[in-house]
Amino acid sequence: MRLFAALLPPEDVTQELAAEVALLKKLPGADGLRWTGQPGWHFTLAFYGEVDEELVPELTDRLGRAASRTEPFTLALSGGGQFGRGRALWAGADGDLRELGVLAGRAEAAARKAGIDMGEHRRYKAHLTVARSRDAVDVRPYVEALRAFRSRTWTVSELALVRSNLPTSGVPGEQPRYETVARHAFRAGG
């Protein structure tokens, strides 16, 4: 099963972003991007890829321990950027980014300790993908439009283990479906 650890913003925050994305979609060239949908918006902490089912209970347990060592912290969606010369357009984060980075490291370590090959370690960059492209696209106007965007601040109090079900129909524009497999609350009394 294809899994990742993530933070899921509250619905009102994703609605704020949806309103901003609706404006981005009116910019010239927007039809050349594959826009992600609101149900799939999340901050990936660690991507695990295909995980053998027998490793999932150990991974779930270790993520629970990682969450129990984490104090609640605040985040807001803020600004935007790109990866891969326009292959991914994303909304950024503001708030306790240090704690977010620590949690991402814990999510990666949980997988390694559960026996999942994580490959080479990459420095964590908080982002929520809003659009992709198969080709390099000039997304600078979208990044510029996102510069002033900021959602309300919320308190992050749990991490989720999410299953990604990739599209199988072959219909252009079909989005992956995401299923939360487990939720782990942070340490109480933060």
Protein backbone atom coordinates (compact mmCIF):
# COMPACT_ATOMS: atom_id res chain seq x y z
CA MET A 1 0.00 0.00 0.00
CA ARG A 2 1.25 3.49 -0.89
CA LEU A 3 1.58 5.53 2.32
CA PHE A 4 2.78 8.84 3.70
CA ALA A 5 2.66 10.71 7.02
CA ALA A 6 0.92 14.08 6.85
CA LEU A 7 -0.62 17.05 8.59
CA LEU A 8 -4.18 17.73 7.46
CA PRO A 9 -5.25 21.38 7.65
CA PRO A 10 -8.75 22.06 9.01
CA GLU A 11 -11.55 22.37 6.46
CA ASP A 12 -12.01 26.13 6.91
CA VAL A 13 -8.31 26.65 6.14
CA THR A 14 -8.50 24.55 2.97
CA GLN A 15 -11.60 26.55 2.01
CA GLU A 16 -9.55 29.74 2.31
CA LEU A 17 -6.94 28.19 0.02
CA ALA A 18 -9.65 26.99 -2.38
CA ALA A 19 -10.84 30.59 -2.78
CA GLU A 20 -7.27 31.68 -3.55
CA VAL A 21 -6.76 28.80 -6.03
CA ALA A 22 -10.00 29.79 -7.79
CA LEU A 23 -8.37 33.18 -8.47
CA LEU A 24 -5.16 31.50 -9.69
CA LYS A 25 -7.17 29.41 -12.14
CA LYS A 26 -8.30 32.65 -13.83
CA LEU A 27 -4.71 33.61 -14.71
CA PRO A 28 -3.49 33.07 -18.28
CA GLY A 29 -2.17 29.57 -18.88
CA ALA A 30 -3.92 28.03 -15.87
CA ASP A 31 -5.48 25.34 -18.05
CA GLY A 32 -1.95 24.01 -18.68
CA LEU A 33 -1.65 22.94 -15.05
CA ARG A 34 -3.24 19.94 -13.31
CA TRP A 35 -4.81 21.46 -10.21
CA THR A 36 -5.01 19.31 -7.10
CA GLY A 37 -8.31 19.08 -5.27
CA GLN A 38 -9.21 20.33 -1.82
CA PRO A 39 -9.79 16.78 -0.44
CA GLY A 40 -6.14 15.95 -1.15
CA TRP A 41 -4.50 19.02 0.35
CA HIS A 42 -2.02 18.14 3.06
CA PHE A 43 1.51 18.75 4.29
CA THR A 44 3.47 15.56 3.64
CA LEU A 45 5.84 14.90 6.55
CA ALA A 46 7.42 11.75 5.10
CA PHE A 47 6.59 9.83 1.92
CA TYR A 48 6.93 6.07 2.37
CA GLY A 49 5.92 4.82 -1.08
CA GLU A 50 4.79 1.21 -1.37
CA VAL A 51 4.86 -0.37 2.10
CA ASP A 52 4.42 -4.09 2.72
CA GLU A 53 1.25 -4.65 4.73
CA GLU A 54 3.12 -6.55 7.44
CA LEU A 55 5.15 -3.39 8.21
CA VAL A 56 2.10 -1.13 8.61
CA PRO A 57 1.32 -2.05 12.27
CA GLU A 58 4.92 -1.30 13.34
CA LEU A 59 4.93 1.96 11.35
CA THR A 60 1.59 2.96 12.87
CA ASP A 61 2.87 2.23 16.39
CA ARG A 62 6.08 4.19 15.83
CA LEU A 63 4.18 7.18 14.41
CA GLY A 64 2.00 7.10 17.51
CA ARG A 65 5.12 7.31 19.68
CA ALA A 66 6.45 10.19 17.56
CA ALA A 67 3.16 12.06 17.98
CA SER A 68 3.15 11.45 21.74
CA ARG A 69 6.54 13.23 21.96
CA THR A 70 5.25 16.26 20.04
CA GLU A 71 3.67 19.34 21.61
CA PRO A 72 0.82 20.99 19.69
CA PHE A 73 2.08 23.89 17.56
CA THR A 74 0.67 26.59 15.30
CA LEU A 75 0.72 26.84 11.52
CA ALA A 76 -0.83 28.95 8.79
CA LEU A 77 -0.77 28.57 5.03
CA SER A 78 1.38 31.37 3.71
CA GLY A 79 2.81 32.36 0.35
CA GLY A 80 3.86 29.86 -2.27
CA GLY A 81 6.62 28.52 -4.43
CA GLN A 82 7.58 25.95 -7.02
CA PHE A 83 9.63 22.83 -7.47
CA GLY A 84 11.15 21.52 -10.68
CA ARG A 85 10.85 24.65 -12.83
CA GLY A 86 7.08 24.75 -12.58
CA ARG A 87 6.39 21.03 -12.31
CA ALA A 88 4.83 21.66 -8.89
CA LEU A 89 3.18 24.82 -7.56
CA TRP A 90 2.65 24.92 -3.82
CA ALA A 91 1.36 26.96 -0.90
CA GLY A 92 3.84 27.40 1.92
CA ALA A 93 3.61 27.48 5.69
CA ASP A 94 4.26 29.96 8.45
CA GLY A 95 4.29 29.42 12.20
CA ASP A 96 6.36 26.97 14.20
CA LEU A 97 8.35 25.64 11.25
CA ARG A 98 11.08 24.35 13.54
CA GLU A 99 8.64 22.01 15.30
CA LEU A 100 7.18 21.03 11.93
CA GLY A 101 10.66 20.06 10.74
CA VAL A 102 11.30 18.06 13.93
CA LEU A 103 8.02 16.19 13.40
CA ALA A 104 8.95 15.45 9.77
CA GLY A 105 12.25 14.00 11.02
CA ARG A 106 10.39 11.86 13.55
CA ALA A 107 8.04 10.58 10.84
CA GLU A 108 11.01 9.60 8.69
CA ALA A 109 12.79 7.96 11.62
CA ALA A 110 9.64 6.00 12.50
CA ALA A 111 9.66 4.48 9.03
CA ARG A 112 13.35 3.60 9.13
CA LYS A 113 12.91 1.92 12.54
CA ALA A 114 9.89 0.01 11.17
CA GLY A 115 12.10 -1.39 8.38
CA ILE A 116 10.99 0.85 5.52
CA ASP A 117 13.71 1.92 3.08
CA MET A 118 13.59 5.71 3.01
CA GLY A 119 16.48 6.20 0.62
CA GLU A 120 18.58 9.32 0.94
CA HIS A 121 17.51 11.88 3.56
CA ARG A 122 16.30 15.20 2.15
CA ARG A 123 15.96 18.46 4.02
CA TYR A 124 12.27 19.02 4.80
CA LYS A 125 10.47 21.84 2.99
CA ALA A 126 6.92 22.51 4.21
CA HIS A 127 4.58 22.76 1.23
CA LEU A 128 1.05 21.91 0.15
CA THR A 129 0.89 21.11 -3.58
CA VAL A 130 -1.88 22.97 -5.43
CA ALA A 131 -0.92 22.20 -9.06
CA ARG A 132 1.41 20.02 -11.13
CA SER A 133 2.62 19.87 -14.69
CA ARG A 134 4.33 17.16 -16.70
CA ASP A 135 6.41 19.85 -18.44
CA ALA A 136 8.30 22.84 -17.15
CA VAL A 137 5.83 25.71 -16.88
CA ASP A 138 6.46 29.34 -16.00
CA VAL A 139 4.53 29.51 -12.73
CA ARG A 140 6.09 32.78 -11.58
CA PRO A 141 2.77 34.67 -11.98
CA TYR A 142 1.08 32.11 -9.70
CA VAL A 143 3.88 32.24 -7.14
CA GLU A 144 3.66 36.04 -7.20
CA ALA A 145 -0.13 35.90 -6.76
CA LEU A 146 0.31 33.57 -3.76
CA ARG A 147 2.88 35.87 -2.13
CA ALA A 148 0.24 37.83 -0.19
CA PHE A 149 -1.91 34.80 0.69
CA ARG A 150 -2.14 33.83 4.34
CA SER A 151 -4.76 31.65 5.98
CA ARG A 152 -5.88 31.85 9.56
CA THR A 153 -3.52 30.28 12.07
CA TRP A 154 -4.55 26.94 13.56
CA THR A 155 -3.15 24.62 16.20
CA VAL A 156 -1.77 21.37 14.82
CA SER A 157 -2.51 18.59 17.28
CA GLU A 158 -2.23 15.33 15.34
CA LEU A 159 -0.45 13.60 12.50
CA ALA A 160 -2.08 11.22 10.05
CA LEU A 161 -0.94 8.10 8.23
CA VAL A 162 -2.51 8.38 4.79
CA ARG A 163 -2.96 5.87 1.99
CA SER A 164 -2.69 7.21 -1.55
CA ASN A 165 -4.79 5.42 -4.16
CA LEU A 166 -3.47 6.42 -7.58
CA PRO A 167 -5.85 6.98 -10.49
CA THR A 168 -6.61 3.87 -12.52
CA SER A 169 -9.30 4.96 -14.96
CA GLY A 170 -6.99 6.74 -17.39
CA VAL A 171 -9.37 9.72 -17.44
CA PRO A 172 -7.33 12.93 -17.90
CA GLY A 173 -7.26 15.03 -14.76
CA GLU A 174 -8.35 12.23 -12.42
CA GLN A 175 -6.92 12.84 -8.95
CA PRO A 176 -5.47 10.35 -6.47
CA ARG A 177 -7.83 9.39 -3.65
CA TYR A 178 -6.55 9.72 -0.11
CA GLU A 179 -7.67 7.58 2.82
CA THR A 180 -6.59 8.31 6.38
CA VAL A 181 -5.41 4.99 7.83
CA ALA A 182 -4.54 6.25 11.33
CA ARG A 183 -4.54 9.48 13.33
CA HIS A 184 -2.17 10.10 16.23
CA ALA A 185 -2.78 12.90 18.74
CA PHE A 186 0.10 14.97 19.99
CA ARG A 187 1.06 15.11 23.65
CA ALA A 188 -1.81 16.53 25.70
CA GLY A 189 -1.45 19.69 27.71
CA GLY A 190 0.96 21.32 25.23
